[in-house]
Amino acid sequence: MGEPLTFQQSLAVTAKHPLTVTDFARMAEVGILREDDRIELIEGELIDMAPIGPGHIGAVALLNKTMVVAAADKAVVSVQSSILLNDRSQPQPDLVLLKARTDYYRHALPTPADILLLIEVADTSLEYDRAIKLPLYGQSGIPEVWLVNIKDEAIEIHQEPGMKGYQRMLRPDIDKVISPVLFPDFILSMKLLFPPSAA
């Protein structure tokens, strides 16, 4: 017989019990989680979201205003609300442009089939968004994701989703104007989002 496992070794071989979106919803129903808790369910695990700083707040506010004007009655803009990717993932992206629906998604969370464009605004969460959330969005079939990099004043446009994530990534120059493939009415000037610093 071999040596007995240490406590740390036994933890390493113990299988995790991933949560489902049903478990996640039940935790909110019974008060374990509150509506204003910044927690996502990602691949069966509860993830604390990073605190929101002023740069993040400003970018989300500007993008929201621009998207709402462009969407009019042709699409729905959702801000920092949950979407349903699968039975183990319910993230809360910063902004989602959704297909128009008369019930405004009152009766069910949006799914990848409803999404025209998803935007994540990243400051301290940049590497997490790139390494964890982007591949998950791609595998789920979300057609286009913009990753707004606050620190570097850049936007990464991710397109062509597949099982390995996104196959195409564009990084437009600061003087460009960009639009999502599935909703060209939403036109964003990079300089509007990242204005030149005052001299």
N, C-alpha and C. Protein backbone atom coordinates (compact mmCIF):
# COMPACT_ATOMS: atom_id res chain seq x y z
N MET A 1 0.83 -1.20 0.00
CA MET A 1 0.00 0.00 0.00
C MET A 1 0.87 1.25 0.00
N GLY A 2 0.41 2.27 -0.71
CA GLY A 2 1.13 3.53 -0.76
C GLY A 2 0.85 4.36 0.47
N GLU A 3 1.56 5.46 0.58
CA GLU A 3 1.35 6.40 1.67
C GLU A 3 -0.03 7.05 1.56
N PRO A 4 -0.71 7.32 2.69
CA PRO A 4 -2.01 7.99 2.63
C PRO A 4 -1.85 9.41 2.09
N LEU A 5 -2.88 9.87 1.42
CA LEU A 5 -2.86 11.22 0.86
C LEU A 5 -2.85 12.27 1.97
N THR A 6 -2.10 13.35 1.76
CA THR A 6 -2.18 14.48 2.66
C THR A 6 -3.48 15.22 2.39
N PHE A 7 -3.81 16.17 3.28
CA PHE A 7 -5.03 16.95 3.10
C PHE A 7 -5.00 17.72 1.77
N GLN A 8 -3.85 18.35 1.45
CA GLN A 8 -3.74 19.12 0.22
C GLN A 8 -3.87 18.22 -1.01
N GLN A 9 -3.28 17.01 -0.95
CA GLN A 9 -3.39 16.08 -2.08
C GLN A 9 -4.83 15.61 -2.26
N SER A 10 -5.52 15.39 -1.15
CA SER A 10 -6.90 14.93 -1.25
C SER A 10 -7.79 16.02 -1.85
N LEU A 11 -7.48 17.29 -1.55
CA LEU A 11 -8.23 18.38 -2.16
C LEU A 11 -8.01 18.41 -3.67
N ALA A 12 -6.79 18.11 -4.09
CA ALA A 12 -6.46 18.17 -5.51
C ALA A 12 -7.21 17.14 -6.32
N VAL A 13 -7.54 16.00 -5.70
CA VAL A 13 -8.23 14.95 -6.45
C VAL A 13 -9.74 14.95 -6.23
N THR A 14 -10.21 15.84 -5.35
CA THR A 14 -11.64 15.93 -5.09
C THR A 14 -12.32 16.68 -6.24
N ALA A 15 -13.35 16.09 -6.79
CA ALA A 15 -14.06 16.73 -7.91
C ALA A 15 -14.88 17.91 -7.39
N LYS A 16 -14.90 18.97 -8.19
CA LYS A 16 -15.73 20.12 -7.86
C LYS A 16 -17.17 19.81 -8.23
N HIS A 17 -18.08 20.51 -7.57
CA HIS A 17 -19.50 20.39 -7.91
C HIS A 17 -19.94 21.69 -8.55
N PRO A 18 -19.94 21.76 -9.89
CA PRO A 18 -20.30 23.03 -10.54
C PRO A 18 -21.77 23.39 -10.31
N LEU A 19 -22.00 24.69 -10.13
CA LEU A 19 -23.36 25.18 -9.98
C LEU A 19 -24.03 25.31 -11.34
N THR A 20 -25.32 25.22 -11.37
CA THR A 20 -26.08 25.45 -12.59
C THR A 20 -26.77 26.82 -12.49
N VAL A 21 -27.33 27.28 -13.60
CA VAL A 21 -28.05 28.54 -13.55
C VAL A 21 -29.28 28.43 -12.66
N THR A 22 -29.84 27.23 -12.53
CA THR A 22 -30.97 27.02 -11.62
C THR A 22 -30.52 27.20 -10.18
N ASP A 23 -29.34 26.65 -9.83
CA ASP A 23 -28.77 26.85 -8.49
C ASP A 23 -28.53 28.34 -8.24
N PHE A 24 -28.00 29.00 -9.23
CA PHE A 24 -27.67 30.42 -9.13
C PHE A 24 -28.93 31.24 -8.86
N ALA A 25 -30.00 30.94 -9.61
CA ALA A 25 -31.27 31.64 -9.42
C ALA A 25 -31.85 31.36 -8.04
N ARG A 26 -31.73 30.12 -7.61
CA ARG A 26 -32.26 29.75 -6.28
C ARG A 26 -31.51 30.47 -5.16
N MET A 27 -30.20 30.66 -5.32
CA MET A 27 -29.42 31.38 -4.33
C MET A 27 -29.91 32.82 -4.20
N ALA A 28 -30.33 33.41 -5.31
CA ALA A 28 -30.89 34.76 -5.27
C ALA A 28 -32.27 34.76 -4.63
N GLU A 29 -33.08 33.75 -4.95
CA GLU A 29 -34.44 33.66 -4.42
C GLU A 29 -34.46 33.56 -2.89
N VAL A 30 -33.52 32.82 -2.33
CA VAL A 30 -33.52 32.60 -0.88
C VAL A 30 -32.68 33.64 -0.14
N GLY A 31 -32.07 34.60 -0.88
CA GLY A 31 -31.36 35.69 -0.23
C GLY A 31 -29.88 35.48 -0.03
N ILE A 32 -29.34 34.36 -0.52
CA ILE A 32 -27.88 34.16 -0.41
C ILE A 32 -27.16 35.20 -1.28
N LEU A 33 -27.72 35.45 -2.45
CA LEU A 33 -27.22 36.49 -3.33
C LEU A 33 -28.27 37.58 -3.44
N ARG A 34 -27.82 38.85 -3.50
CA ARG A 34 -28.74 39.97 -3.66
C ARG A 34 -28.66 40.48 -5.09
N GLU A 35 -29.68 41.20 -5.51
CA GLU A 35 -29.71 41.72 -6.88
C GLU A 35 -28.53 42.63 -7.20
N ASP A 36 -28.04 43.36 -6.18
CA ASP A 36 -26.95 44.29 -6.43
C ASP A 36 -25.57 43.68 -6.20
N ASP A 37 -25.50 42.38 -5.88
CA ASP A 37 -24.20 41.71 -5.77
C ASP A 37 -23.58 41.61 -7.15
N ARG A 38 -22.30 41.95 -7.26
CA ARG A 38 -21.61 41.86 -8.55
C ARG A 38 -20.93 40.49 -8.66
N ILE A 39 -21.76 39.49 -8.98
CA ILE A 39 -21.28 38.10 -9.09
C ILE A 39 -21.80 37.49 -10.37
N GLU A 40 -20.92 36.81 -11.09
CA GLU A 40 -21.30 36.10 -12.31
C GLU A 40 -21.17 34.59 -12.07
N LEU A 41 -21.92 33.84 -12.83
CA LEU A 41 -21.73 32.39 -12.87
C LEU A 41 -21.01 32.07 -14.17
N ILE A 42 -19.78 31.57 -14.05
CA ILE A 42 -18.96 31.24 -15.21
C ILE A 42 -18.51 29.78 -15.12
N GLU A 43 -18.99 28.98 -16.05
CA GLU A 43 -18.65 27.56 -16.10
C GLU A 43 -18.84 26.88 -14.74
N GLY A 44 -19.95 27.19 -14.11
CA GLY A 44 -20.31 26.54 -12.86
C GLY A 44 -19.71 27.13 -11.61
N GLU A 45 -18.92 28.19 -11.73
CA GLU A 45 -18.28 28.81 -10.57
C GLU A 45 -18.74 30.24 -10.38
N LEU A 46 -18.89 30.65 -9.12
CA LEU A 46 -19.26 32.03 -8.80
C LEU A 46 -18.00 32.89 -8.86
N ILE A 47 -18.07 33.96 -9.65
CA ILE A 47 -16.93 34.85 -9.84
C ILE A 47 -17.30 36.25 -9.36
N ASP A 48 -16.51 36.78 -8.43
CA ASP A 48 -16.69 38.17 -8.00
C ASP A 48 -16.19 39.09 -9.11
N MET A 49 -17.02 40.03 -9.51
CA MET A 49 -16.63 40.98 -10.54
C MET A 49 -15.82 42.12 -9.92
N ALA A 50 -14.88 42.66 -10.70
CA ALA A 50 -14.02 43.72 -10.21
C ALA A 50 -14.81 44.99 -9.92
N PRO A 51 -14.39 45.78 -8.93
CA PRO A 51 -15.05 47.07 -8.67
C PRO A 51 -14.97 47.96 -9.91
N ILE A 52 -15.97 48.80 -10.08
CA ILE A 52 -16.04 49.68 -11.26
C ILE A 52 -15.43 51.03 -10.92
N GLY A 53 -14.43 51.44 -11.71
CA GLY A 53 -13.79 52.73 -11.53
C GLY A 53 -14.41 53.79 -12.42
N PRO A 54 -13.98 55.05 -12.26
CA PRO A 54 -14.59 56.14 -13.04
C PRO A 54 -14.39 56.02 -14.54
N GLY A 55 -13.24 55.51 -14.99
CA GLY A 55 -13.03 55.33 -16.43
C GLY A 55 -14.00 54.34 -17.02
N HIS A 56 -14.24 53.27 -16.27
CA HIS A 56 -15.19 52.22 -16.69
C HIS A 56 -16.61 52.79 -16.74
N ILE A 57 -16.98 53.51 -15.69
CA ILE A 57 -18.32 54.10 -15.62
C ILE A 57 -18.56 55.05 -16.79
N GLY A 58 -17.57 55.91 -17.06
CA GLY A 58 -17.71 56.88 -18.14
C GLY A 58 -17.84 56.23 -19.50
N ALA A 59 -17.04 55.18 -19.74
CA ALA A 59 -17.11 54.49 -21.03
C ALA A 59 -18.45 53.79 -21.21
N VAL A 60 -18.94 53.14 -20.16
CA VAL A 60 -20.25 52.47 -20.26
C VAL A 60 -21.36 53.49 -20.50
N ALA A 61 -21.31 54.62 -19.80
CA ALA A 61 -22.34 55.64 -19.97
C ALA A 61 -22.35 56.19 -21.39
N LEU A 62 -21.18 56.47 -21.94
CA LEU A 62 -21.10 57.01 -23.30
C LEU A 62 -21.58 55.98 -24.33
N LEU A 63 -21.12 54.74 -24.19
CA LEU A 63 -21.53 53.68 -25.11
C LEU A 63 -23.04 53.45 -25.02
N ASN A 64 -23.57 53.46 -23.81
CA ASN A 64 -25.00 53.26 -23.62
C ASN A 64 -25.81 54.36 -24.34
N LYS A 65 -25.41 55.60 -24.13
CA LYS A 65 -26.13 56.72 -24.77
C LYS A 65 -26.10 56.58 -26.29
N THR A 66 -24.94 56.29 -26.84
CA THR A 66 -24.78 56.18 -28.29
C THR A 66 -25.57 55.00 -28.84
N MET A 67 -25.55 53.87 -28.12
CA MET A 67 -26.27 52.68 -28.56
C MET A 67 -27.77 52.87 -28.52
N VAL A 68 -28.27 53.51 -27.47
CA VAL A 68 -29.72 53.72 -27.33
C VAL A 68 -30.25 54.58 -28.48
N VAL A 69 -29.51 55.63 -28.81
CA VAL A 69 -29.93 56.50 -29.92
C VAL A 69 -29.96 55.70 -31.23
N ALA A 70 -28.93 54.90 -31.46
CA ALA A 70 -28.86 54.11 -32.69
C ALA A 70 -29.92 53.01 -32.73
N ALA A 71 -30.19 52.41 -31.57
CA ALA A 71 -31.12 51.27 -31.52
C ALA A 71 -32.55 51.72 -31.79
N ALA A 72 -32.93 52.89 -31.25
CA ALA A 72 -34.31 53.40 -31.40
C ALA A 72 -35.29 52.26 -31.12
N ASP A 73 -36.19 51.96 -32.05
CA ASP A 73 -37.13 50.85 -31.84
C ASP A 73 -36.73 49.60 -32.61
N LYS A 74 -35.47 49.57 -33.10
CA LYS A 74 -35.01 48.45 -33.92
C LYS A 74 -34.20 47.42 -33.13
N ALA A 75 -33.82 47.76 -31.90
CA ALA A 75 -33.03 46.85 -31.08
C ALA A 75 -33.22 47.25 -29.61
N VAL A 76 -32.72 46.41 -28.72
CA VAL A 76 -32.83 46.66 -27.28
C VAL A 76 -31.41 46.73 -26.71
N VAL A 77 -31.15 47.74 -25.88
CA VAL A 77 -29.85 47.88 -25.23
C VAL A 77 -29.98 47.42 -23.78
N SER A 78 -29.13 46.49 -23.39
CA SER A 78 -29.12 45.98 -22.01
C SER A 78 -27.78 46.35 -21.38
N VAL A 79 -27.83 46.92 -20.17
CA VAL A 79 -26.63 47.42 -19.50
C VAL A 79 -26.37 46.63 -18.22
N GLN A 80 -25.19 46.02 -18.15
CA GLN A 80 -24.73 45.30 -16.95
C GLN A 80 -25.81 44.38 -16.39
N SER A 81 -26.41 43.61 -17.28
CA SER A 81 -27.44 42.64 -16.91
C SER A 81 -27.04 41.25 -17.39
N SER A 82 -27.67 40.24 -16.81
CA SER A 82 -27.31 38.86 -17.11
C SER A 82 -27.75 38.42 -18.50
N ILE A 83 -26.95 37.53 -19.08
CA ILE A 83 -27.35 36.78 -20.26
C ILE A 83 -27.16 35.30 -19.95
N LEU A 84 -27.87 34.45 -20.64
CA LEU A 84 -27.80 33.01 -20.40
C LEU A 84 -27.03 32.35 -21.54
N LEU A 85 -25.83 31.84 -21.23
CA LEU A 85 -25.02 31.18 -22.26
C LEU A 85 -25.30 29.69 -22.35
N ASN A 86 -25.38 29.05 -21.20
CA ASN A 86 -25.67 27.62 -21.12
C ASN A 86 -26.12 27.31 -19.70
N ASP A 87 -26.25 26.06 -19.35
CA ASP A 87 -26.80 25.75 -18.02
C ASP A 87 -25.80 25.96 -16.89
N ARG A 88 -24.56 26.39 -17.22
CA ARG A 88 -23.56 26.64 -16.18
C ARG A 88 -22.94 28.03 -16.26
N SER A 89 -23.40 28.87 -17.17
CA SER A 89 -22.79 30.20 -17.33
C SER A 89 -23.84 31.28 -17.53
N GLN A 90 -23.80 32.26 -16.62
CA GLN A 90 -24.71 33.41 -16.69
C GLN A 90 -23.90 34.67 -16.37
N PRO A 91 -23.13 35.14 -17.37
CA PRO A 91 -22.32 36.34 -17.13
C PRO A 91 -23.14 37.61 -17.16
N GLN A 92 -22.50 38.71 -16.77
CA GLN A 92 -23.13 40.03 -16.78
C GLN A 92 -22.24 41.00 -17.57
N PRO A 93 -22.30 40.94 -18.89
CA PRO A 93 -21.47 41.87 -19.69
C PRO A 93 -21.90 43.31 -19.48
N ASP A 94 -21.01 44.23 -19.83
CA ASP A 94 -21.30 45.64 -19.61
C ASP A 94 -22.44 46.14 -20.48
N LEU A 95 -22.43 45.80 -21.76
CA LEU A 95 -23.50 46.22 -22.67
C LEU A 95 -23.79 45.11 -23.67
N VAL A 96 -25.06 44.95 -23.98
CA VAL A 96 -25.46 44.00 -25.01
C VAL A 96 -26.51 44.66 -25.89
N LEU A 97 -26.31 44.57 -27.19
CA LEU A 97 -27.30 45.03 -28.15
C LEU A 97 -28.08 43.81 -28.61
N LEU A 98 -29.39 43.81 -28.33
CA LEU A 98 -30.24 42.65 -28.54
C LEU A 98 -31.24 42.87 -29.66
N LYS A 99 -31.66 41.79 -30.27
CA LYS A 99 -32.74 41.86 -31.25
C LYS A 99 -33.99 42.43 -30.57
N ALA A 100 -34.73 43.23 -31.30
CA ALA A 100 -35.95 43.82 -30.76
C ALA A 100 -36.95 42.74 -30.39
N ARG A 101 -37.60 42.92 -29.24
CA ARG A 101 -38.64 42.00 -28.81
C ARG A 101 -39.69 42.79 -28.07
N THR A 102 -40.95 42.48 -28.29
CA THR A 102 -42.03 43.29 -27.70
C THR A 102 -42.06 43.20 -26.18
N ASP A 103 -41.58 42.10 -25.61
CA ASP A 103 -41.60 41.97 -24.15
C ASP A 103 -40.32 42.51 -23.49
N TYR A 104 -39.38 43.02 -24.29
CA TYR A 104 -38.12 43.56 -23.77
C TYR A 104 -37.41 42.57 -22.83
N TYR A 105 -37.54 41.30 -23.12
CA TYR A 105 -36.87 40.23 -22.38
C TYR A 105 -37.31 40.17 -20.91
N ARG A 106 -38.57 40.51 -20.66
CA ARG A 106 -39.11 40.43 -19.30
C ARG A 106 -39.28 38.98 -18.83
N HIS A 107 -39.52 38.08 -19.76
CA HIS A 107 -39.92 36.72 -19.38
C HIS A 107 -38.79 35.69 -19.44
N ALA A 108 -37.66 36.06 -20.00
CA ALA A 108 -36.53 35.14 -20.08
C ALA A 108 -35.26 35.92 -20.38
N LEU A 109 -34.15 35.45 -19.84
CA LEU A 109 -32.88 36.12 -20.10
C LEU A 109 -32.50 35.97 -21.58
N PRO A 110 -31.81 36.96 -22.12
CA PRO A 110 -31.31 36.83 -23.50
C PRO A 110 -30.32 35.67 -23.61
N THR A 111 -30.32 35.03 -24.77
CA THR A 111 -29.39 33.95 -25.07
C THR A 111 -28.51 34.39 -26.26
N PRO A 112 -27.48 33.64 -26.61
CA PRO A 112 -26.64 34.04 -27.74
C PRO A 112 -27.40 34.31 -29.02
N ALA A 113 -28.49 33.59 -29.28
CA ALA A 113 -29.27 33.80 -30.51
C ALA A 113 -29.92 35.18 -30.56
N ASP A 114 -30.06 35.84 -29.40
CA ASP A 114 -30.69 37.17 -29.34
C ASP A 114 -29.69 38.31 -29.51
N ILE A 115 -28.40 38.01 -29.47
CA ILE A 115 -27.38 39.05 -29.33
C ILE A 115 -26.83 39.48 -30.69
N LEU A 116 -26.85 40.79 -30.92
CA LEU A 116 -26.27 41.40 -32.12
C LEU A 116 -24.83 41.85 -31.86
N LEU A 117 -24.59 42.33 -30.65
CA LEU A 117 -23.25 42.81 -30.26
C LEU A 117 -23.16 42.77 -28.74
N LEU A 118 -22.01 42.32 -28.25
CA LEU A 118 -21.74 42.33 -26.81
C LEU A 118 -20.48 43.16 -26.58
N ILE A 119 -20.51 44.01 -25.56
CA ILE A 119 -19.35 44.85 -25.24
C ILE A 119 -18.94 44.62 -23.78
N GLU A 120 -17.65 44.34 -23.60
CA GLU A 120 -17.06 44.31 -22.26
C GLU A 120 -16.11 45.50 -22.15
N VAL A 121 -16.27 46.29 -21.11
CA VAL A 121 -15.36 47.39 -20.83
C VAL A 121 -14.40 46.90 -19.76
N ALA A 122 -13.11 46.93 -20.07
CA ALA A 122 -12.13 46.30 -19.19
C ALA A 122 -11.07 47.29 -18.72
N ASP A 123 -10.82 47.25 -17.44
CA ASP A 123 -9.73 48.02 -16.84
C ASP A 123 -8.87 47.00 -16.09
N THR A 124 -9.21 46.74 -14.84
CA THR A 124 -8.48 45.72 -14.09
C THR A 124 -8.85 44.30 -14.52
N SER A 125 -9.98 44.14 -15.21
CA SER A 125 -10.45 42.81 -15.60
C SER A 125 -9.99 42.38 -17.00
N LEU A 126 -9.07 43.13 -17.61
CA LEU A 126 -8.72 42.89 -19.01
C LEU A 126 -8.26 41.46 -19.27
N GLU A 127 -7.33 40.95 -18.50
CA GLU A 127 -6.80 39.61 -18.77
C GLU A 127 -7.85 38.53 -18.51
N TYR A 128 -8.67 38.72 -17.49
CA TYR A 128 -9.77 37.78 -17.22
C TYR A 128 -10.76 37.76 -18.38
N ASP A 129 -11.12 38.94 -18.87
CA ASP A 129 -12.05 39.02 -19.99
C ASP A 129 -11.48 38.33 -21.22
N ARG A 130 -10.21 38.55 -21.50
CA ARG A 130 -9.56 37.95 -22.67
C ARG A 130 -9.44 36.43 -22.54
N ALA A 131 -8.98 35.98 -21.40
CA ALA A 131 -8.65 34.57 -21.25
C ALA A 131 -9.85 33.68 -20.94
N ILE A 132 -10.84 34.21 -20.23
CA ILE A 132 -11.97 33.39 -19.76
C ILE A 132 -13.26 33.71 -20.50
N LYS A 133 -13.65 34.96 -20.50
CA LYS A 133 -14.98 35.30 -21.03
C LYS A 133 -15.03 35.29 -22.56
N LEU A 134 -14.01 35.83 -23.22
CA LEU A 134 -14.03 35.87 -24.68
C LEU A 134 -14.14 34.48 -25.31
N PRO A 135 -13.31 33.51 -24.90
CA PRO A 135 -13.48 32.17 -25.48
C PRO A 135 -14.87 31.59 -25.22
N LEU A 136 -15.42 31.86 -24.04
CA LEU A 136 -16.75 31.36 -23.70
C LEU A 136 -17.81 32.00 -24.60
N TYR A 137 -17.69 33.30 -24.84
CA TYR A 137 -18.63 33.97 -25.74
C TYR A 137 -18.53 33.40 -27.16
N GLY A 138 -17.29 33.15 -27.61
CA GLY A 138 -17.10 32.59 -28.94
C GLY A 138 -17.68 31.19 -29.07
N GLN A 139 -17.41 30.35 -28.07
CA GLN A 139 -17.94 28.98 -28.07
C GLN A 139 -19.46 28.96 -28.03
N SER A 140 -20.03 30.00 -27.44
CA SER A 140 -21.50 30.08 -27.33
C SER A 140 -22.14 30.63 -28.61
N GLY A 141 -21.33 31.12 -29.54
CA GLY A 141 -21.86 31.59 -30.81
C GLY A 141 -22.27 33.05 -30.85
N ILE A 142 -21.85 33.84 -29.88
CA ILE A 142 -22.15 35.28 -29.93
C ILE A 142 -21.37 35.88 -31.10
N PRO A 143 -22.07 36.53 -32.04
CA PRO A 143 -21.44 36.87 -33.32
C PRO A 143 -20.30 37.89 -33.25
N GLU A 144 -20.38 38.82 -32.32
CA GLU A 144 -19.35 39.87 -32.27
C GLU A 144 -19.23 40.41 -30.85
N VAL A 145 -17.99 40.55 -30.40
CA VAL A 145 -17.70 41.11 -29.07
C VAL A 145 -16.67 42.21 -29.23
N TRP A 146 -16.95 43.35 -28.61
CA TRP A 146 -15.96 44.42 -28.53
C TRP A 146 -15.41 44.43 -27.11
N LEU A 147 -14.09 44.38 -27.00
CA LEU A 147 -13.41 44.48 -25.73
C LEU A 147 -12.78 45.87 -25.65
N VAL A 148 -13.36 46.71 -24.81
CA VAL A 148 -12.89 48.09 -24.68
C VAL A 148 -11.80 48.13 -23.61
N ASN A 149 -10.60 48.40 -24.03
CA ASN A 149 -9.42 48.42 -23.17
C ASN A 149 -9.19 49.85 -22.69
N ILE A 150 -9.63 50.14 -21.48
CA ILE A 150 -9.56 51.50 -20.94
C ILE A 150 -8.11 51.98 -20.80
N LYS A 151 -7.27 51.13 -20.26
CA LYS A 151 -5.88 51.52 -19.98
C LYS A 151 -5.15 51.92 -21.25
N ASP A 152 -5.27 51.12 -22.31
CA ASP A 152 -4.53 51.37 -23.55
C ASP A 152 -5.33 52.20 -24.56
N GLU A 153 -6.55 52.61 -24.19
CA GLU A 153 -7.42 53.39 -25.07
C GLU A 153 -7.54 52.72 -26.44
N ALA A 154 -8.01 51.48 -26.39
CA ALA A 154 -8.13 50.68 -27.61
C ALA A 154 -9.38 49.81 -27.54
N ILE A 155 -9.84 49.39 -28.71
CA ILE A 155 -10.95 48.44 -28.79
C ILE A 155 -10.49 47.24 -29.61
N GLU A 156 -10.71 46.06 -29.07
CA GLU A 156 -10.50 44.82 -29.82
C GLU A 156 -11.86 44.35 -30.32
N ILE A 157 -11.98 44.16 -31.62
CA ILE A 157 -13.22 43.67 -32.22
C ILE A 157 -13.03 42.19 -32.53
N HIS A 158 -13.83 41.35 -31.89
CA HIS A 158 -13.72 39.90 -32.06
C HIS A 158 -14.91 39.39 -32.85
N GLN A 159 -14.63 38.67 -33.94
CA GLN A 159 -15.66 38.18 -34.85
C GLN A 159 -15.36 36.72 -35.22
N GLU A 160 -16.31 36.11 -35.92
CA GLU A 160 -16.21 34.73 -36.39
C GLU A 160 -16.05 33.75 -35.23
N PRO A 161 -17.13 33.58 -34.45
CA PRO A 161 -17.08 32.68 -33.30
C PRO A 161 -16.97 31.21 -33.70
N GLY A 162 -16.37 30.42 -32.83
CA GLY A 162 -16.24 28.99 -33.06
C GLY A 162 -15.87 28.29 -31.77
N MET A 163 -15.65 27.00 -31.84
CA MET A 163 -15.38 26.21 -30.63
C MET A 163 -14.05 26.58 -29.97
N LYS A 164 -13.16 27.25 -30.70
CA LYS A 164 -11.89 27.69 -30.12
C LYS A 164 -11.93 29.18 -29.75
N GLY A 165 -13.10 29.75 -29.76
CA GLY A 165 -13.22 31.18 -29.47
C GLY A 165 -13.45 31.94 -30.75
N TYR A 166 -12.85 33.12 -30.86
CA TYR A 166 -13.02 33.96 -32.05
C TYR A 166 -11.84 33.79 -33.00
N GLN A 167 -12.15 33.67 -34.28
CA GLN A 167 -11.12 33.43 -35.29
C GLN A 167 -10.56 34.72 -35.88
N ARG A 168 -11.24 35.83 -35.64
CA ARG A 168 -10.82 37.10 -36.23
C ARG A 168 -10.81 38.18 -35.16
N MET A 169 -9.71 38.96 -35.10
CA MET A 169 -9.62 40.07 -34.17
C MET A 169 -9.08 41.30 -34.89
N LEU A 170 -9.80 42.41 -34.76
CA LEU A 170 -9.39 43.68 -35.36
C LEU A 170 -9.12 44.67 -34.23
N ARG A 171 -8.15 45.54 -34.45
CA ARG A 171 -7.87 46.60 -33.47
C ARG A 171 -7.79 47.93 -34.23
N PRO A 172 -8.92 48.60 -34.39
CA PRO A 172 -8.94 49.82 -35.21
C PRO A 172 -8.11 50.96 -34.61
N ASP A 173 -7.55 51.77 -35.49
CA ASP A 173 -6.80 52.96 -35.06
C ASP A 173 -7.73 53.97 -34.42
N ILE A 174 -7.15 54.88 -33.66
CA ILE A 174 -7.93 55.85 -32.89
C ILE A 174 -8.74 56.79 -33.78
N ASP A 175 -8.34 56.96 -35.04
CA ASP A 175 -9.07 57.88 -35.91
C ASP A 175 -10.19 57.19 -36.69
N LYS A 176 -10.45 55.93 -36.41
CA LYS A 176 -11.46 55.17 -37.14
C LYS A 176 -12.86 55.33 -36.54
N VAL A 177 -13.85 55.03 -37.38
CA VAL A 177 -15.25 54.94 -36.96
C VAL A 177 -15.66 53.49 -37.17
N ILE A 178 -16.29 52.87 -36.17
CA ILE A 178 -16.58 51.44 -36.24
C ILE A 178 -18.08 51.17 -36.06
N SER A 179 -18.51 50.03 -36.58
CA SER A 179 -19.90 49.58 -36.46
C SER A 179 -19.91 48.07 -36.38
N PRO A 180 -20.86 47.48 -35.65
CA PRO A 180 -20.98 46.02 -35.64
C PRO A 180 -21.57 45.51 -36.95
N VAL A 181 -21.17 44.31 -37.34
CA VAL A 181 -21.62 43.72 -38.60
C VAL A 181 -23.14 43.59 -38.66
N LEU A 182 -23.76 43.15 -37.56
CA LEU A 182 -25.20 42.86 -37.57
C LEU A 182 -26.08 44.06 -37.25
N PHE A 183 -25.47 45.21 -36.92
CA PHE A 183 -26.27 46.41 -36.65
C PHE A 183 -25.46 47.65 -37.03
N PRO A 184 -25.30 47.88 -38.34
CA PRO A 184 -24.47 49.00 -38.80
C PRO A 184 -25.02 50.38 -38.44
N ASP A 185 -26.27 50.46 -37.96
CA ASP A 185 -26.81 51.75 -37.52
C ASP A 185 -26.07 52.30 -36.30
N PHE A 186 -25.44 51.42 -35.53
CA PHE A 186 -24.66 51.86 -34.37
C PHE A 186 -23.25 52.20 -34.86
N ILE A 187 -22.97 53.49 -34.90
CA ILE A 187 -21.69 53.99 -35.41
C ILE A 187 -20.95 54.66 -34.25
N LEU A 188 -19.73 54.20 -34.00
CA LEU A 188 -18.95 54.73 -32.89
C LEU A 188 -17.63 55.30 -33.39
N SER A 189 -17.39 56.56 -33.08
CA SER A 189 -16.10 57.18 -33.35
C SER A 189 -15.15 56.83 -32.20
N MET A 190 -14.00 56.29 -32.54
CA MET A 190 -13.01 55.95 -31.52
C MET A 190 -12.62 57.20 -30.73
N LYS A 191 -12.53 58.34 -31.42
CA LYS A 191 -12.14 59.58 -30.74
C LYS A 191 -13.21 60.07 -29.76
N LEU A 192 -14.47 59.69 -30.00
CA LEU A 192 -15.52 60.05 -29.06
C LEU A 192 -15.34 59.28 -27.75
N LEU A 193 -14.98 58.01 -27.89
CA LEU A 193 -14.78 57.18 -26.69
C LEU A 193 -13.47 57.52 -25.99
N PHE A 194 -12.44 57.81 -26.78
CA PHE A 194 -11.12 58.13 -26.22
C PHE A 194 -10.69 59.51 -26.73
N PRO A 195 -11.27 60.57 -26.20
CA PRO A 195 -10.91 61.92 -26.70
C PRO A 195 -9.45 62.25 -26.39
N PRO A 196 -8.83 63.05 -27.25
CA PRO A 196 -7.44 63.46 -26.99
C PRO A 196 -7.34 64.19 -25.66
N SER A 197 -6.25 63.97 -24.96
CA SER A 197 -6.04 64.66 -23.69
C SER A 197 -5.85 66.15 -23.94
N ALA A 198 -6.36 66.95 -23.01
CA ALA A 198 -6.19 68.41 -23.13
C ALA A 198 -4.72 68.77 -23.01
N ALA A 199 -4.28 69.67 -23.87
CA ALA A 199 -2.87 70.07 -23.86
C ALA A 199 -2.56 70.95 -22.66
